[in-house]
All heavy atoms as atom14 arrays in JSON, in Angstrom:
{
  "sequence": "INELASSSPAPGGGSVASLAGALGAALTSMVCNLTIGKKKYAGVQA",
  "atom14_mask": [
    [1, 1, 1, 1, 1, 1, 1, 1, 0, 0, 0, 0, 0, 0],
    [1, 1, 1, 1, 1, 1, 1, 1, 0, 0, 0, 0, 0, 0],
    [1, 1, 1, 1, 1, 1, 1, 1, 1, 0, 0, 0, 0, 0],
    [1, 1, 1, 1, 1, 1, 1, 1, 0, 0, 0, 0, 0, 0],
    [1, 1, 1, 1, 1, 0, 0, 0, 0, 0, 0, 0, 0, 0],
    [1, 1, 1, 1, 1, 1, 0, 0, 0, 0, 0, 0, 0, 0],
    [1, 1, 1, 1, 1, 1, 0, 0, 0, 0, 0, 0, 0, 0],
    [1, 1, 1, 1, 1, 1, 0, 0, 0, 0, 0, 0, 0, 0],
    [1, 1, 1, 1, 1, 1, 1, 0, 0, 0, 0, 0, 0, 0],
    [1, 1, 1, 1, 1, 0, 0, 0, 0, 0, 0, 0, 0, 0],
    [1, 1, 1, 1, 1, 1, 1, 0, 0, 0, 0, 0, 0, 0],
    [1, 1, 1, 1, 0, 0, 0, 0, 0, 0, 0, 0, 0, 0],
    [1, 1, 1, 1, 0, 0, 0, 0, 0, 0, 0, 0, 0, 0],
    [1, 1, 1, 1, 0, 0, 0, 0, 0, 0, 0, 0, 0, 0],
    [1, 1, 1, 1, 1, 1, 0, 0, 0, 0, 0, 0, 0, 0],
    [1, 1, 1, 1, 1, 1, 1, 0, 0, 0, 0, 0, 0, 0],
    [1, 1, 1, 1, 1, 0, 0, 0, 0, 0, 0, 0, 0, 0],
    [1, 1, 1, 1, 1, 1, 0, 0, 0, 0, 0, 0, 0, 0],
    [1, 1, 1, 1, 1, 1, 1, 1, 0, 0, 0, 0, 0, 0],
    [1, 1, 1, 1, 1, 0, 0, 0, 0, 0, 0, 0, 0, 0],
    [1, 1, 1, 1, 0, 0, 0, 0, 0, 0, 0, 0, 0, 0],
    [1, 1, 1, 1, 1, 0, 0, 0, 0, 0, 0, 0, 0, 0],
    [1, 1, 1, 1, 1, 1, 1, 1, 0, 0, 0, 0, 0, 0],
    [1, 1, 1, 1, 0, 0, 0, 0, 0, 0, 0, 0, 0, 0],
    [1, 1, 1, 1, 1, 0, 0, 0, 0, 0, 0, 0, 0, 0],
    [1, 1, 1, 1, 1, 0, 0, 0, 0, 0, 0, 0, 0, 0],
    [1, 1, 1, 1, 1, 1, 1, 1, 0, 0, 0, 0, 0, 0],
    [1, 1, 1, 1, 1, 1, 1, 0, 0, 0, 0, 0, 0, 0],
    [1, 1, 1, 1, 1, 1, 0, 0, 0, 0, 0, 0, 0, 0],
    [1, 1, 1, 1, 1, 1, 1, 1, 0, 0, 0, 0, 0, 0],
    [1, 1, 1, 1, 1, 1, 1, 0, 0, 0, 0, 0, 0, 0],
    [1, 1, 1, 1, 1, 1, 0, 0, 0, 0, 0, 0, 0, 0],
    [1, 1, 1, 1, 1, 1, 1, 1, 0, 0, 0, 0, 0, 0],
    [1, 1, 1, 1, 1, 1, 1, 1, 0, 0, 0, 0, 0, 0],
    [1, 1, 1, 1, 1, 1, 1, 0, 0, 0, 0, 0, 0, 0],
    [1, 1, 1, 1, 1, 1, 1, 1, 0, 0, 0, 0, 0, 0],
    [1, 1, 1, 1, 0, 0, 0, 0, 0, 0, 0, 0, 0, 0],
    [1, 1, 1, 1, 1, 1, 1, 1, 1, 0, 0, 0, 0, 0],
    [1, 1, 1, 1, 1, 1, 1, 1, 1, 0, 0, 0, 0, 0],
    [1, 1, 1, 1, 1, 1, 1, 1, 1, 0, 0, 0, 0, 0],
    [1, 1, 1, 1, 1, 1, 1, 1, 1, 1, 1, 1, 0, 0],
    [1, 1, 1, 1, 1, 0, 0, 0, 0, 0, 0, 0, 0, 0],
    [1, 1, 1, 1, 0, 0, 0, 0, 0, 0, 0, 0, 0, 0],
    [1, 1, 1, 1, 1, 1, 1, 0, 0, 0, 0, 0, 0, 0],
    [1, 1, 1, 1, 1, 1, 1, 1, 1, 0, 0, 0, 0, 0],
    [1, 1, 1, 1, 1, 0, 0, 0, 0, 0, 0, 0, 0, 0]
  ],
  "atom14_positions": [
    [[0.88, -1.2, -0.04], [-0.02, 0.01, -0.03], [0.8, 1.22, 0.07], [0.65, 2.26, -0.71], [-0.98, -0.11, 1.21], [-2.01, -1.14, 1.0], [-1.7, 1.28, 1.45], [-2.95, -1.32, 2.15], [0.0, 0.0, 0.0], [0.0, 0.0, 0.0], [0.0, 0.0, 0.0], [0.0, 0.0, 0.0], [0.0, 0.0, 0.0], [0.0, 0.0, 0.0]],
    [[1.98, 1.24, 0.75], [2.83, 2.41, 0.79], [3.44, 2.65, -0.59], [3.59, 3.76, -0.99], [3.93, 2.19, 1.83], [3.43, 2.36, 3.26], [2.43, 3.05, 3.52], [4.08, 1.71, 4.26], [0.0, 0.0, 0.0], [0.0, 0.0, 0.0], [0.0, 0.0, 0.0], [0.0, 0.0, 0.0], [0.0, 0.0, 0.0], [0.0, 0.0, 0.0]],
    [[3.86, 1.66, -1.27], [4.47, 1.75, -2.64], [3.39, 2.16, -3.49], [3.67, 2.97, -4.4], [5.08, 0.37, -3.01], [5.96, 0.5, -4.33], [6.79, -0.62, -4.52], [7.05, -1.41, -3.54], [7.27, -0.76, -5.74], [0.0, 0.0, 0.0], [0.0, 0.0, 0.0], [0.0, 0.0, 0.0], [0.0, 0.0, 0.0], [0.0, 0.0, 0.0]],
    [[2.22, 1.74, -3.42], [1.12, 2.2, -4.24], [0.84, 3.59, -4.08], [0.54, 4.38, -5.12], [-0.06, 1.36, -3.88], [-1.41, 1.42, -4.84], [-0.96, 0.85, -6.26], [-2.47, 0.71, -4.2], [0.0, 0.0, 0.0], [0.0, 0.0, 0.0], [0.0, 0.0, 0.0], [0.0, 0.0, 0.0], [0.0, 0.0, 0.0], [0.0, 0.0, 0.0]],
    [[0.97, 4.08, -2.87], [0.64, 5.57, -2.59], [1.79, 6.52, -2.98], [1.62, 7.67, -3.03], [0.39, 5.69, -1.1], [0.0, 0.0, 0.0], [0.0, 0.0, 0.0], [0.0, 0.0, 0.0], [0.0, 0.0, 0.0], [0.0, 0.0, 0.0], [0.0, 0.0, 0.0], [0.0, 0.0, 0.0], [0.0, 0.0, 0.0], [0.0, 0.0, 0.0]],
    [[2.99, 5.93, -3.24], [4.15, 6.77, -3.56], [3.97, 7.46, -4.92], [3.14, 7.25, -5.74], [5.39, 5.95, -3.54], [5.5, 5.1, -4.74], [0.0, 0.0, 0.0], [0.0, 0.0, 0.0], [0.0, 0.0, 0.0], [0.0, 0.0, 0.0], [0.0, 0.0, 0.0], [0.0, 0.0, 0.0], [0.0, 0.0, 0.0], [0.0, 0.0, 0.0]],
    [[5.06, 8.32, -5.26], [4.95, 8.93, -6.55], [5.39, 8.15, -7.78], [5.26, 8.5, -8.87], [5.97, 10.17, -6.46], [7.23, 9.69, -6.14], [0.0, 0.0, 0.0], [0.0, 0.0, 0.0], [0.0, 0.0, 0.0], [0.0, 0.0, 0.0], [0.0, 0.0, 0.0], [0.0, 0.0, 0.0], [0.0, 0.0, 0.0], [0.0, 0.0, 0.0]],
    [[5.81, 6.9, -7.44], [6.15, 6.04, -8.5], [4.87, 5.6, -9.22], [3.79, 5.24, -8.55], [6.77, 4.74, -8.01], [6.93, 3.78, -8.96], [0.0, 0.0, 0.0], [0.0, 0.0, 0.0], [0.0, 0.0, 0.0], [0.0, 0.0, 0.0], [0.0, 0.0, 0.0], [0.0, 0.0, 0.0], [0.0, 0.0, 0.0], [0.0, 0.0, 0.0]],
    [[4.85, 5.62, -10.7], [3.63, 5.27, -11.38], [3.2, 3.77, -11.33], [2.23, 3.34, -11.78], [3.98, 5.72, -12.8], [5.43, 5.77, -12.84], [5.95, 6.09, -11.55], [0.0, 0.0, 0.0], [0.0, 0.0, 0.0], [0.0, 0.0, 0.0], [0.0, 0.0, 0.0], [0.0, 0.0, 0.0], [0.0, 0.0, 0.0], [0.0, 0.0, 0.0]],
    [[4.18, 3.0, -10.88], [3.98, 1.51, -10.91], [4.48, 1.0, -9.53], [5.55, 1.37, -9.13], [4.59, 0.75, -12.08], [0.0, 0.0, 0.0], [0.0, 0.0, 0.0], [0.0, 0.0, 0.0], [0.0, 0.0, 0.0], [0.0, 0.0, 0.0], [0.0, 0.0, 0.0], [0.0, 0.0, 0.0], [0.0, 0.0, 0.0], [0.0, 0.0, 0.0]],
    [[3.71, 0.2, -8.74], [2.37, -0.37, -9.21], [1.33, 0.62, -9.31], [1.43, 1.75, -8.57], [2.16, -1.4, -8.13], [2.82, -0.88, -6.97], [4.07, -0.33, -7.38], [0.0, 0.0, 0.0], [0.0, 0.0, 0.0], [0.0, 0.0, 0.0], [0.0, 0.0, 0.0], [0.0, 0.0, 0.0], [0.0, 0.0, 0.0], [0.0, 0.0, 0.0]],
    [[0.37, 0.38, -10.12], [-0.76, 1.34, -10.33], [-2.11, 0.49, -10.4], [-2.21, -0.53, -9.87], [0.0, 0.0, 0.0], [0.0, 0.0, 0.0], [0.0, 0.0, 0.0], [0.0, 0.0, 0.0], [0.0, 0.0, 0.0], [0.0, 0.0, 0.0], [0.0, 0.0, 0.0], [0.0, 0.0, 0.0], [0.0, 0.0, 0.0], [0.0, 0.0, 0.0]],
    [[-2.94, 1.16, -11.19], [-4.32, 0.59, -11.32], [-4.38, -0.79, -11.85], [-5.27, -1.65, -11.42], [0.0, 0.0, 0.0], [0.0, 0.0, 0.0], [0.0, 0.0, 0.0], [0.0, 0.0, 0.0], [0.0, 0.0, 0.0], [0.0, 0.0, 0.0], [0.0, 0.0, 0.0], [0.0, 0.0, 0.0], [0.0, 0.0, 0.0], [0.0, 0.0, 0.0]],
    [[-3.44, -1.22, -12.71], [-3.38, -2.57, -13.27], [-3.13, -3.58, -12.23], [-3.84, -4.6, -12.2], [0.0, 0.0, 0.0], [0.0, 0.0, 0.0], [0.0, 0.0, 0.0], [0.0, 0.0, 0.0], [0.0, 0.0, 0.0], [0.0, 0.0, 0.0], [0.0, 0.0, 0.0], [0.0, 0.0, 0.0], [0.0, 0.0, 0.0], [0.0, 0.0, 0.0]],
    [[-2.14, -3.35, -11.37], [-1.78, -4.3, -10.28], [-2.95, -4.41, -9.23], [-3.27, -5.46, -8.76], [-0.47, -3.94, -9.65], [0.57, -4.1, -10.56], [0.0, 0.0, 0.0], [0.0, 0.0, 0.0], [0.0, 0.0, 0.0], [0.0, 0.0, 0.0], [0.0, 0.0, 0.0], [0.0, 0.0, 0.0], [0.0, 0.0, 0.0], [0.0, 0.0, 0.0]],
    [[-3.52, -3.26, -9.06], [-4.72, -3.18, -8.07], [-5.83, -4.11, -8.69], [-6.51, -4.79, -7.97], [-5.14, -1.71, -7.75], [-6.44, -1.76, -7.06], [-4.04, -1.11, -6.98], [0.0, 0.0, 0.0], [0.0, 0.0, 0.0], [0.0, 0.0, 0.0], [0.0, 0.0, 0.0], [0.0, 0.0, 0.0], [0.0, 0.0, 0.0], [0.0, 0.0, 0.0]],
    [[-6.04, -3.97, -9.96], [-7.15, -4.69, -10.59], [-6.85, -6.24, -10.43], [-7.75, -7.02, -10.11], [-7.19, -4.42, -12.07], [0.0, 0.0, 0.0], [0.0, 0.0, 0.0], [0.0, 0.0, 0.0], [0.0, 0.0, 0.0], [0.0, 0.0, 0.0], [0.0, 0.0, 0.0], [0.0, 0.0, 0.0], [0.0, 0.0, 0.0], [0.0, 0.0, 0.0]],
    [[-5.56, -6.67, -10.68], [-5.24, -8.07, -10.48], [-5.41, -8.48, -9.05], [-5.92, -9.67, -8.82], [-3.72, -8.25, -10.97], [-3.53, -7.8, -12.18], [0.0, 0.0, 0.0], [0.0, 0.0, 0.0], [0.0, 0.0, 0.0], [0.0, 0.0, 0.0], [0.0, 0.0, 0.0], [0.0, 0.0, 0.0], [0.0, 0.0, 0.0], [0.0, 0.0, 0.0]],
    [[-5.03, -7.68, -8.11], [-5.14, -7.99, -6.8], [-6.63, -8.08, -6.34], [-6.96, -9.14, -5.58], [-4.57, -6.93, -5.79], [-4.73, -6.99, -4.32], [-4.09, -8.28, -3.82], [-3.97, -5.85, -3.62], [0.0, 0.0, 0.0], [0.0, 0.0, 0.0], [0.0, 0.0, 0.0], [0.0, 0.0, 0.0], [0.0, 0.0, 0.0], [0.0, 0.0, 0.0]],
    [[-7.49, -7.21, -6.81], [-8.85, -7.33, -6.55], [-9.43, -8.7, -7.05], [-10.28, -9.31, -6.39], [-9.68, -6.14, -7.12], [0.0, 0.0, 0.0], [0.0, 0.0, 0.0], [0.0, 0.0, 0.0], [0.0, 0.0, 0.0], [0.0, 0.0, 0.0], [0.0, 0.0, 0.0], [0.0, 0.0, 0.0], [0.0, 0.0, 0.0], [0.0, 0.0, 0.0]],
    [[-9.1, -9.0, -8.24], [-9.59, -10.33, -8.8], [-9.09, -11.48, -8.0], [-9.87, -12.41, -7.76], [0.0, 0.0, 0.0], [0.0, 0.0, 0.0], [0.0, 0.0, 0.0], [0.0, 0.0, 0.0], [0.0, 0.0, 0.0], [0.0, 0.0, 0.0], [0.0, 0.0, 0.0], [0.0, 0.0, 0.0], [0.0, 0.0, 0.0], [0.0, 0.0, 0.0]],
    [[-7.86, -11.48, -7.61], [-7.25, -12.54, -6.73], [-8.09, -12.56, -5.36], [-8.33, -13.77, -4.95], [-5.83, -12.26, -6.43], [0.0, 0.0, 0.0], [0.0, 0.0, 0.0], [0.0, 0.0, 0.0], [0.0, 0.0, 0.0], [0.0, 0.0, 0.0], [0.0, 0.0, 0.0], [0.0, 0.0, 0.0], [0.0, 0.0, 0.0], [0.0, 0.0, 0.0]],
    [[-8.36, -11.49, -4.8], [-9.15, -11.45, -3.54], [-10.5, -11.95, -3.73], [-11.05, -12.84, -2.94], [-9.21, -9.98, -3.04], [-7.97, -9.41, -2.5], [-8.13, -7.89, -2.19], [-7.41, -10.12, -1.28], [0.0, 0.0, 0.0], [0.0, 0.0, 0.0], [0.0, 0.0, 0.0], [0.0, 0.0, 0.0], [0.0, 0.0, 0.0], [0.0, 0.0, 0.0]],
    [[-11.19, -11.67, -4.87], [-12.47, -12.33, -5.14], [-12.42, -13.85, -5.34], [-13.28, -14.52, -4.73], [0.0, 0.0, 0.0], [0.0, 0.0, 0.0], [0.0, 0.0, 0.0], [0.0, 0.0, 0.0], [0.0, 0.0, 0.0], [0.0, 0.0, 0.0], [0.0, 0.0, 0.0], [0.0, 0.0, 0.0], [0.0, 0.0, 0.0], [0.0, 0.0, 0.0]],
    [[-11.37, -14.34, -5.97], [-11.22, -15.72, -6.18], [-10.84, -16.4, -4.75], [-11.46, -17.44, -4.51], [-10.09, -15.99, -7.22], [0.0, 0.0, 0.0], [0.0, 0.0, 0.0], [0.0, 0.0, 0.0], [0.0, 0.0, 0.0], [0.0, 0.0, 0.0], [0.0, 0.0, 0.0], [0.0, 0.0, 0.0], [0.0, 0.0, 0.0], [0.0, 0.0, 0.0]],
    [[-9.98, -15.72, -3.96], [-9.71, -16.29, -2.6], [-10.99, -16.33, -1.84], [-11.15, -17.36, -1.04], [-8.72, -15.32, -1.94], [0.0, 0.0, 0.0], [0.0, 0.0, 0.0], [0.0, 0.0, 0.0], [0.0, 0.0, 0.0], [0.0, 0.0, 0.0], [0.0, 0.0, 0.0], [0.0, 0.0, 0.0], [0.0, 0.0, 0.0], [0.0, 0.0, 0.0]],
    [[-11.88, -15.35, -1.76], [-13.11, -15.45, -1.04], [-13.97, -16.6, -1.58], [-14.7, -17.2, -0.7], [-13.91, -14.11, -1.2], [-13.43, -13.01, -0.14], [-14.08, -11.66, -0.53], [-13.75, -13.33, 1.31], [0.0, 0.0, 0.0], [0.0, 0.0, 0.0], [0.0, 0.0, 0.0], [0.0, 0.0, 0.0], [0.0, 0.0, 0.0], [0.0, 0.0, 0.0]],
    [[-13.95, -16.82, -2.8], [-14.67, -17.96, -3.41], [-14.23, -19.29, -2.78], [-14.98, -20.12, -2.36], [-14.66, -17.91, -4.98], [-15.02, -16.62, -5.42], [-15.45, -19.06, -5.58], [0.0, 0.0, 0.0], [0.0, 0.0, 0.0], [0.0, 0.0, 0.0], [0.0, 0.0, 0.0], [0.0, 0.0, 0.0], [0.0, 0.0, 0.0], [0.0, 0.0, 0.0]],
    [[-12.9, -19.36, -2.72], [-12.26, -20.5, -2.22], [-12.64, -20.65, -0.65], [-12.98, -21.88, -0.22], [-10.67, -20.57, -2.27], [-10.42, -20.52, -3.61], [0.0, 0.0, 0.0], [0.0, 0.0, 0.0], [0.0, 0.0, 0.0], [0.0, 0.0, 0.0], [0.0, 0.0, 0.0], [0.0, 0.0, 0.0], [0.0, 0.0, 0.0], [0.0, 0.0, 0.0]],
    [[-12.68, -19.58, 0.06], [-12.99, -19.61, 1.41], [-14.44, -20.26, 1.76], [-14.62, -20.99, 2.53], [-12.87, -18.18, 2.03], [-13.03, -18.15, 3.53], [-13.25, -16.47, 4.2], [-15.0, -16.23, 3.94], [0.0, 0.0, 0.0], [0.0, 0.0, 0.0], [0.0, 0.0, 0.0], [0.0, 0.0, 0.0], [0.0, 0.0, 0.0], [0.0, 0.0, 0.0]],
    [[-15.34, -19.69, 0.87], [-16.79, -20.17, 1.03], [-16.82, -21.63, 0.79], [-17.52, -22.39, 1.54], [-17.69, -19.35, 0.14], [-19.13, -19.87, 0.3], [-17.71, -17.87, 0.48], [0.0, 0.0, 0.0], [0.0, 0.0, 0.0], [0.0, 0.0, 0.0], [0.0, 0.0, 0.0], [0.0, 0.0, 0.0], [0.0, 0.0, 0.0], [0.0, 0.0, 0.0]],
    [[-16.08, -22.12, -0.22], [-15.99, -23.52, -0.52], [-15.51, -24.32, 0.71], [-16.09, -25.27, 1.11], [-15.1, -23.82, -1.64], [-15.79, -23.52, -3.21], [0.0, 0.0, 0.0], [0.0, 0.0, 0.0], [0.0, 0.0, 0.0], [0.0, 0.0, 0.0], [0.0, 0.0, 0.0], [0.0, 0.0, 0.0], [0.0, 0.0, 0.0], [0.0, 0.0, 0.0]],
    [[-14.36, -23.81, 1.29], [-13.71, -24.52, 2.32], [-14.56, -24.48, 3.64], [-14.43, -25.34, 4.49], [-12.33, -23.86, 2.66], [-11.29, -24.35, 1.58], [-11.3, -25.39, 1.05], [-10.42, -23.29, 1.18], [0.0, 0.0, 0.0], [0.0, 0.0, 0.0], [0.0, 0.0, 0.0], [0.0, 0.0, 0.0], [0.0, 0.0, 0.0], [0.0, 0.0, 0.0]],
    [[-15.46, -23.44, 3.79], [-16.32, -23.41, 4.87], [-17.64, -24.22, 4.6], [-18.46, -24.3, 5.5], [-16.76, -21.99, 5.13], [-15.67, -21.09, 5.79], [-16.04, -19.61, 5.8], [-15.27, -21.6, 7.14], [0.0, 0.0, 0.0], [0.0, 0.0, 0.0], [0.0, 0.0, 0.0], [0.0, 0.0, 0.0], [0.0, 0.0, 0.0], [0.0, 0.0, 0.0]],
    [[-17.83, -24.83, 3.44], [-18.89, -25.69, 3.1], [-18.49, -27.13, 3.16], [-19.22, -27.99, 3.59], [-19.39, -25.32, 1.74], [-19.69, -23.9, 1.64], [-20.7, -26.09, 1.4], [0.0, 0.0, 0.0], [0.0, 0.0, 0.0], [0.0, 0.0, 0.0], [0.0, 0.0, 0.0], [0.0, 0.0, 0.0], [0.0, 0.0, 0.0], [0.0, 0.0, 0.0]],
    [[-17.26, -27.44, 2.63], [-16.84, -28.82, 2.57], [-16.61, -29.3, 4.0], [-16.06, -28.7, 4.86], [-15.49, -28.78, 1.83], [-15.67, -28.45, 0.28], [-14.78, -30.11, 1.96], [-14.32, -28.11, -0.39], [0.0, 0.0, 0.0], [0.0, 0.0, 0.0], [0.0, 0.0, 0.0], [0.0, 0.0, 0.0], [0.0, 0.0, 0.0], [0.0, 0.0, 0.0]],
    [[-17.14, -30.6, 4.17], [-16.99, -31.17, 5.47], [-18.17, -30.98, 6.41], [-18.27, -31.63, 7.42], [0.0, 0.0, 0.0], [0.0, 0.0, 0.0], [0.0, 0.0, 0.0], [0.0, 0.0, 0.0], [0.0, 0.0, 0.0], [0.0, 0.0, 0.0], [0.0, 0.0, 0.0], [0.0, 0.0, 0.0], [0.0, 0.0, 0.0], [0.0, 0.0, 0.0]],
    [[-19.09, -30.11, 6.05], [-20.25, -29.89, 6.89], [-21.35, -30.83, 6.42], [-21.73, -30.93, 5.3], [-20.68, -28.42, 6.69], [-19.75, -27.31, 7.08], [-19.49, -27.2, 8.49], [-18.82, -25.97, 8.89], [-17.43, -25.87, 8.36], [0.0, 0.0, 0.0], [0.0, 0.0, 0.0], [0.0, 0.0, 0.0], [0.0, 0.0, 0.0], [0.0, 0.0, 0.0]],
    [[-21.9, -31.51, 7.45], [-22.95, -32.57, 7.26], [-24.15, -31.91, 6.44], [-24.7, -32.62, 5.55], [-23.41, -33.21, 8.58], [-24.47, -34.26, 8.39], [-24.95, -34.7, 9.77], [-23.97, -35.53, 10.5], [-24.54, -36.3, 11.68], [0.0, 0.0, 0.0], [0.0, 0.0, 0.0], [0.0, 0.0, 0.0], [0.0, 0.0, 0.0], [0.0, 0.0, 0.0]],
    [[-24.51, -30.75, 6.91], [-25.58, -30.08, 6.24], [-25.46, -29.89, 4.69], [-26.34, -29.83, 3.89], [-25.8, -28.74, 6.87], [-27.01, -27.84, 6.31], [-27.07, -26.44, 7.05], [-28.23, -25.62, 6.49], [-28.26, -24.4, 7.15], [0.0, 0.0, 0.0], [0.0, 0.0, 0.0], [0.0, 0.0, 0.0], [0.0, 0.0, 0.0], [0.0, 0.0, 0.0]],
    [[-24.15, -29.74, 4.31], [-23.88, -29.57, 2.87], [-23.25, -30.72, 2.15], [-22.51, -30.59, 1.11], [-22.96, -28.42, 2.68], [-23.56, -27.11, 3.28], [-23.4, -26.62, 4.51], [-24.55, -26.36, 2.54], [-23.93, -25.45, 5.07], [-25.14, -25.19, 3.0], [-24.78, -24.8, 4.29], [-25.45, -23.7, 4.8], [0.0, 0.0, 0.0], [0.0, 0.0, 0.0]],
    [[-23.5, -31.97, 2.72], [-22.88, -33.17, 2.1], [-23.35, -33.38, 0.66], [-22.5, -33.82, -0.13], [-23.31, -34.44, 2.96], [0.0, 0.0, 0.0], [0.0, 0.0, 0.0], [0.0, 0.0, 0.0], [0.0, 0.0, 0.0], [0.0, 0.0, 0.0], [0.0, 0.0, 0.0], [0.0, 0.0, 0.0], [0.0, 0.0, 0.0], [0.0, 0.0, 0.0]],
    [[-24.48, -32.9, 0.34], [-25.0, -33.14, -1.02], [-24.32, -32.23, -2.04], [-24.32, -32.61, -3.3], [0.0, 0.0, 0.0], [0.0, 0.0, 0.0], [0.0, 0.0, 0.0], [0.0, 0.0, 0.0], [0.0, 0.0, 0.0], [0.0, 0.0, 0.0], [0.0, 0.0, 0.0], [0.0, 0.0, 0.0], [0.0, 0.0, 0.0], [0.0, 0.0, 0.0]],
    [[-23.64, -31.31, -1.62], [-22.88, -30.46, -2.59], [-21.39, -30.39, -2.35], [-20.59, -29.68, -3.02], [-23.35, -28.94, -2.53], [-24.85, -28.75, -2.9], [-23.04, -28.31, -1.13], [0.0, 0.0, 0.0], [0.0, 0.0, 0.0], [0.0, 0.0, 0.0], [0.0, 0.0, 0.0], [0.0, 0.0, 0.0], [0.0, 0.0, 0.0], [0.0, 0.0, 0.0]],
    [[-20.93, -31.41, -1.57], [-19.48, -31.43, -1.22], [-18.6, -31.66, -2.47], [-17.56, -30.99, -2.71], [-19.16, -32.48, -0.21], [-17.65, -32.76, 0.07], [-17.33, -33.11, 1.4], [-18.0, -32.67, 2.4], [-16.22, -33.73, 1.56], [0.0, 0.0, 0.0], [0.0, 0.0, 0.0], [0.0, 0.0, 0.0], [0.0, 0.0, 0.0], [0.0, 0.0, 0.0]],
    [[-18.98, -32.59, -3.32], [-18.16, -32.83, -4.56], [-18.09, -31.64, -5.44], [-17.1, -31.34, -6.01], [-18.85, -34.02, -5.35], [0.0, 0.0, 0.0], [0.0, 0.0, 0.0], [0.0, 0.0, 0.0], [0.0, 0.0, 0.0], [0.0, 0.0, 0.0], [0.0, 0.0, 0.0], [0.0, 0.0, 0.0], [0.0, 0.0, 0.0], [0.0, 0.0, 0.0]]
  ]
}
């Protein structure tokens, strides 16, 4: 974040876009991992 805020033009919006996408994918994985192994969700485990 400090490097992003500096006067250097890179990293910039492109790297932030990539990071935002990675965070979205990571949250998707998290919801999966919080579903897998739960008896209530056995039907969707696979």
